[in-house]
């Protein structure tokens, strides 16, 4: 996931040119996906340990 995040951020930097706007757009794209991964991980842990 880290490599994919790097690619997304690099593209946003190229697209917007400023760090502030690039990070804002990066977060809009990456945070929902990250939240999904975290939720799946929590479900897996619960299945394994409960």
PDB file of N, CA and C in Angstrom:
ATOM      1  N   UNK A   1       0.812  -1.191   0.000  1.00  0.00           N
ATOM      2  CA  UNK A   1       0.000   0.000   0.000  1.00  0.00           C
ATOM      3  C   UNK A   1       0.858   1.258   0.000  1.00  0.00           C
ATOM      4  N   UNK A   2       2.001   1.203   0.636  1.00  0.00           N
ATOM      5  CA  UNK A   2       2.852   2.385   0.719  1.00  0.00           C
ATOM      6  C   UNK A   2       3.301   2.846  -0.662  1.00  0.00           C
ATOM      7  N   UNK A   3       3.633   1.901  -1.521  1.00  0.00           N
ATOM      8  CA  UNK A   3       4.078   2.262  -2.863  1.00  0.00           C
ATOM      9  C   UNK A   3       2.938   2.914  -3.652  1.00  0.00           C
ATOM     10  N   UNK A   4       1.746   2.371  -3.497  1.00  0.00           N
ATOM     11  CA  UNK A   4       0.586   2.945  -4.180  1.00  0.00           C
ATOM     12  C   UNK A   4       0.318   4.363  -3.667  1.00  0.00           C
ATOM     13  N   UNK A   5       0.432   4.557  -2.352  1.00  0.00           N
ATOM     14  CA  UNK A   5       0.246   5.889  -1.773  1.00  0.00           C
ATOM     15  C   UNK A   5       1.273   6.872  -2.330  1.00  0.00           C
ATOM     16  N   UNK A   6       2.515   6.405  -2.462  1.00  0.00           N
ATOM     17  CA  UNK A   6       3.576   7.247  -3.015  1.00  0.00           C
ATOM     18  C   UNK A   6       3.224   7.686  -4.435  1.00  0.00           C
ATOM     19  N   UNK A   7       2.730   6.755  -5.234  1.00  0.00           N
ATOM     20  CA  UNK A   7       2.384   7.065  -6.624  1.00  0.00           C
ATOM     21  C   UNK A   7       1.250   8.083  -6.681  1.00  0.00           C
ATOM     22  N   UNK A   8       0.242   7.890  -5.844  1.00  0.00           N
ATOM     23  CA  UNK A   8      -0.887   8.832  -5.809  1.00  0.00           C
ATOM     24  C   UNK A   8      -0.394  10.220  -5.419  1.00  0.00           C
ATOM     25  N   UNK A   9       0.425  10.318  -4.391  1.00  0.00           N
ATOM     26  CA  UNK A   9       0.925  11.621  -3.956  1.00  0.00           C
ATOM     27  C   UNK A   9       1.797  12.263  -5.032  1.00  0.00           C
ATOM     28  N   UNK A  10       2.649  11.488  -5.667  1.00  0.00           N
ATOM     29  CA  UNK A  10       3.503  12.027  -6.735  1.00  0.00           C
ATOM     30  C   UNK A  10       2.653  12.585  -7.874  1.00  0.00           C
ATOM     31  N   UNK A  11       1.599  11.884  -8.219  1.00  0.00           N
ATOM     32  CA  UNK A  11       0.710  12.365  -9.288  1.00  0.00           C
ATOM     33  C   UNK A  11       0.009  13.654  -8.890  1.00  0.00           C
ATOM     34  N   UNK A  12      -0.426  13.729  -7.641  1.00  0.00           N
ATOM     35  CA  UNK A  12      -1.097  14.951  -7.177  1.00  0.00           C
ATOM     36  C   UNK A  12      -0.116  16.129  -7.159  1.00  0.00           C
ATOM     37  N   UNK A  13       1.120  15.881  -6.753  1.00  0.00           N
ATOM     38  CA  UNK A  13       2.125  16.951  -6.761  1.00  0.00           C
ATOM     39  C   UNK A  13       2.355  17.462  -8.178  1.00  0.00           C
ATOM     40  N   UNK A  14       2.432  16.558  -9.122  1.00  0.00           N
ATOM     41  CA  UNK A  14       2.629  16.952 -10.519  1.00  0.00           C
ATOM     42  C   UNK A  14       1.397  17.706 -11.030  1.00  0.00           C
ATOM     43  N   UNK A  15       0.221  17.252 -10.625  1.00  0.00           N
ATOM     44  CA  UNK A  15      -1.023  17.850 -11.101  1.00  0.00           C
ATOM     45  C   UNK A  15      -1.267  19.240 -10.524  1.00  0.00           C
ATOM     46  N   UNK A  16      -1.051  19.409  -9.205  1.00  0.00           N
ATOM     47  CA  UNK A  16      -1.410  20.658  -8.540  1.00  0.00           C
ATOM     48  C   UNK A  16      -0.229  21.583  -8.267  1.00  0.00           C
ATOM     49  N   UNK A  17       0.966  21.040  -8.164  1.00  0.00           N
ATOM     50  CA  UNK A  17       2.157  21.869  -8.024  1.00  0.00           C
ATOM     51  C   UNK A  17       2.442  22.412  -6.633  1.00  0.00           C
ATOM     52  N   UNK A  18       1.436  22.473  -5.772  1.00  0.00           N
ATOM     53  CA  UNK A  18       1.679  22.956  -4.411  1.00  0.00           C
ATOM     54  C   UNK A  18       1.448  21.817  -3.428  1.00  0.00           C
ATOM     55  N   UNK A  19       2.228  21.821  -2.367  1.00  0.00           N
ATOM     56  CA  UNK A  19       2.141  20.740  -1.390  1.00  0.00           C
ATOM     57  C   UNK A  19       0.780  20.706  -0.704  1.00  0.00           C
ATOM     58  N   UNK A  20       0.284  21.875  -0.295  1.00  0.00           N
ATOM     59  CA  UNK A  20      -0.987  21.929   0.439  1.00  0.00           C
ATOM     60  C   UNK A  20      -2.129  21.318  -0.373  1.00  0.00           C
ATOM     61  N   UNK A  21      -2.319  21.771  -1.585  1.00  0.00           N
ATOM     62  CA  UNK A  21      -3.410  21.270  -2.430  1.00  0.00           C
ATOM     63  C   UNK A  21      -3.183  19.799  -2.788  1.00  0.00           C
ATOM     64  N   UNK A  22      -1.950  19.435  -3.044  1.00  0.00           N
ATOM     65  CA  UNK A  22      -1.630  18.048  -3.401  1.00  0.00           C
ATOM     66  C   UNK A  22      -1.972  17.097  -2.270  1.00  0.00           C
ATOM     67  N   UNK A  23      -1.614  17.466  -1.049  1.00  0.00           N
ATOM     68  CA  UNK A  23      -1.902  16.614   0.110  1.00  0.00           C
ATOM     69  C   UNK A  23      -3.407  16.542   0.361  1.00  0.00           C
ATOM     70  N   UNK A  24      -4.100  17.661   0.198  1.00  0.00           N
ATOM     71  CA  UNK A  24      -5.559  17.648   0.371  1.00  0.00           C
ATOM     72  C   UNK A  24      -6.215  16.673  -0.598  1.00  0.00           C
ATOM     73  N   UNK A  25      -5.815  16.712  -1.849  1.00  0.00           N
ATOM     74  CA  UNK A  25      -6.389  15.826  -2.863  1.00  0.00           C
ATOM     75  C   UNK A  25      -5.959  14.376  -2.647  1.00  0.00           C
ATOM     76  N   UNK A  26      -4.719  14.196  -2.243  1.00  0.00           N
ATOM     77  CA  UNK A  26      -4.199  12.863  -1.923  1.00  0.00           C
ATOM     78  C   UNK A  26      -5.029  12.230  -0.808  1.00  0.00           C
ATOM     79  N   UNK A  27      -5.297  12.996   0.245  1.00  0.00           N
ATOM     80  CA  UNK A  27      -6.075  12.482   1.374  1.00  0.00           C
ATOM     81  C   UNK A  27      -7.496  12.116   0.958  1.00  0.00           C
ATOM     82  N   UNK A  28      -8.094  12.903   0.073  1.00  0.00           N
ATOM     83  CA  UNK A  28      -9.443  12.585  -0.400  1.00  0.00           C
ATOM     84  C   UNK A  28      -9.480  11.226  -1.096  1.00  0.00           C
ATOM     85  N   UNK A  29      -8.399  10.908  -1.790  1.00  0.00           N
ATOM     86  CA  UNK A  29      -8.350   9.650  -2.532  1.00  0.00           C
ATOM     87  C   UNK A  29      -7.923   8.471  -1.662  1.00  0.00           C
ATOM     88  N   UNK A  30      -6.960   8.690  -0.782  1.00  0.00           N
ATOM     89  CA  UNK A  30      -6.336   7.589  -0.048  1.00  0.00           C
ATOM     90  C   UNK A  30      -7.077   7.231   1.244  1.00  0.00           C
ATOM     91  N   UNK A  31      -7.600   8.191   1.948  1.00  0.00           N
ATOM     92  CA  UNK A  31      -8.213   7.903   3.249  1.00  0.00           C
ATOM     93  C   UNK A  31      -9.392   6.932   3.176  1.00  0.00           C
ATOM     94  N   UNK A  32     -10.305   7.066   2.218  1.00  0.00           N
ATOM     95  CA  UNK A  32     -11.391   6.074   2.155  1.00  0.00           C
ATOM     96  C   UNK A  32     -10.870   4.650   1.931  1.00  0.00           C
ATOM     97  N   UNK A  33      -9.872   4.511   1.081  1.00  0.00           N
ATOM     98  CA  UNK A  33      -9.292   3.184   0.826  1.00  0.00           C
ATOM     99  C   UNK A  33      -8.597   2.660   2.077  1.00  0.00           C
ATOM    100  N   UNK A  34      -7.896   3.523   2.771  1.00  0.00           N
ATOM    101  CA  UNK A  34      -7.213   3.118   4.001  1.00  0.00           C
ATOM    102  C   UNK A  34      -8.217   2.683   5.060  1.00  0.00           C
ATOM    103  N   UNK A  35      -9.308   3.420   5.158  1.00  0.00           N
ATOM    104  CA  UNK A  35     -10.355   3.071   6.119  1.00  0.00           C
ATOM    105  C   UNK A  35     -10.914   1.678   5.821  1.00  0.00           C
ATOM    106  N   UNK A  36     -11.114   1.386   4.544  1.00  0.00           N
ATOM    107  CA  UNK A  36     -11.608   0.070   4.133  1.00  0.00           C
ATOM    108  C   UNK A  36     -10.655  -1.043   4.555  1.00  0.00           C
ATOM    109  N   UNK A  37      -9.377  -0.826   4.334  1.00  0.00           N
ATOM    110  CA  UNK A  37      -8.364  -1.826   4.683  1.00  0.00           C
ATOM    111  C   UNK A  37      -8.335  -2.046   6.194  1.00  0.00           C
ATOM    112  N   UNK A  38      -8.426  -0.978   6.953  1.00  0.00           N
ATOM    113  CA  UNK A  38      -8.428  -1.083   8.415  1.00  0.00           C
ATOM    114  C   UNK A  38      -9.650  -1.869   8.886  1.00  0.00           C
ATOM    115  N   UNK A  39     -10.811  -1.567   8.315  1.00  0.00           N
ATOM    116  CA  UNK A  39     -12.035  -2.277   8.701  1.00  0.00           C
ATOM    117  C   UNK A  39     -11.940  -3.766   8.380  1.00  0.00           C
ATOM    118  N   UNK A  40     -11.365  -4.107   7.228  1.00  0.00           N
ATOM    119  CA  UNK A  40     -11.188  -5.520   6.880  1.00  0.00           C
ATOM    120  C   UNK A  40     -10.219  -6.199   7.844  1.00  0.00           C
ATOM    121  N   UNK A  41      -9.178  -5.493   8.244  1.00  0.00           N
ATOM    122  CA  UNK A  41      -8.211  -6.051   9.188  1.00  0.00           C
ATOM    123  C   UNK A  41      -8.856  -6.319  10.538  1.00  0.00           C
ATOM    124  N   UNK A  42      -9.676  -5.398  10.998  1.00  0.00           N
ATOM    125  CA  UNK A  42     -10.371  -5.568  12.277  1.00  0.00           C
ATOM    126  C   UNK A  42     -11.295  -6.784  12.218  1.00  0.00           C
ATOM    127  N   UNK A  43     -12.014  -6.933  11.113  1.00  0.00           N
ATOM    128  CA  UNK A  43     -12.896  -8.100  10.956  1.00  0.00           C
ATOM    129  C   UNK A  43     -12.096  -9.394  10.982  1.00  0.00           C
ATOM    130  N   UNK A  44     -10.954  -9.396  10.331  1.00  0.00           N
ATOM    131  CA  UNK A  44     -10.106 -10.595  10.307  1.00  0.00           C
ATOM    132  C   UNK A  44      -9.614 -10.949  11.699  1.00  0.00           C
ATOM    133  N   UNK A  45      -9.205  -9.953  12.447  1.00  0.00           N
ATOM    134  CA  UNK A  45      -8.719 -10.188  13.811  1.00  0.00           C
ATOM    135  C   UNK A  45      -9.843 -10.753  14.667  1.00  0.00           C
ATOM    136  N   UNK A  46     -11.026 -10.180  14.548  1.00  0.00           N
ATOM    137  CA  UNK A  46     -12.163 -10.667  15.337  1.00  0.00           C
ATOM    138  C   UNK A  46     -12.495 -12.116  14.987  1.00  0.00           C
ATOM    139  N   UNK A  47     -12.458 -12.452  13.702  1.00  0.00           N
ATOM    140  CA  UNK A  47     -12.734 -13.831  13.293  1.00  0.00           C
ATOM    141  C   UNK A  47     -11.686 -14.791  13.842  1.00  0.00           C
ATOM    142  N   UNK A  48     -10.459 -14.368  13.846  1.00  0.00           N
ATOM    143  CA  UNK A  48      -9.366 -15.229  14.269  1.00  0.00           C
ATOM    144  C   UNK A  48      -9.327 -15.417  15.784  1.00  0.00           C
ATOM    145  N   UNK A  49      -9.559 -14.339  16.534  1.00  0.00           N
ATOM    146  CA  UNK A  49      -9.389 -14.392  17.986  1.00  0.00           C
ATOM    147  C   UNK A  49     -10.675 -14.603  18.767  1.00  0.00           C
ATOM    148  N   UNK A  50     -11.807 -14.551  18.134  1.00  0.00           N
ATOM    149  CA  UNK A  50     -13.062 -14.735  18.886  1.00  0.00           C
ATOM    150  C   UNK A  50     -13.634 -16.102  18.688  1.00  0.00           C
TER     151      UNK A  50
END
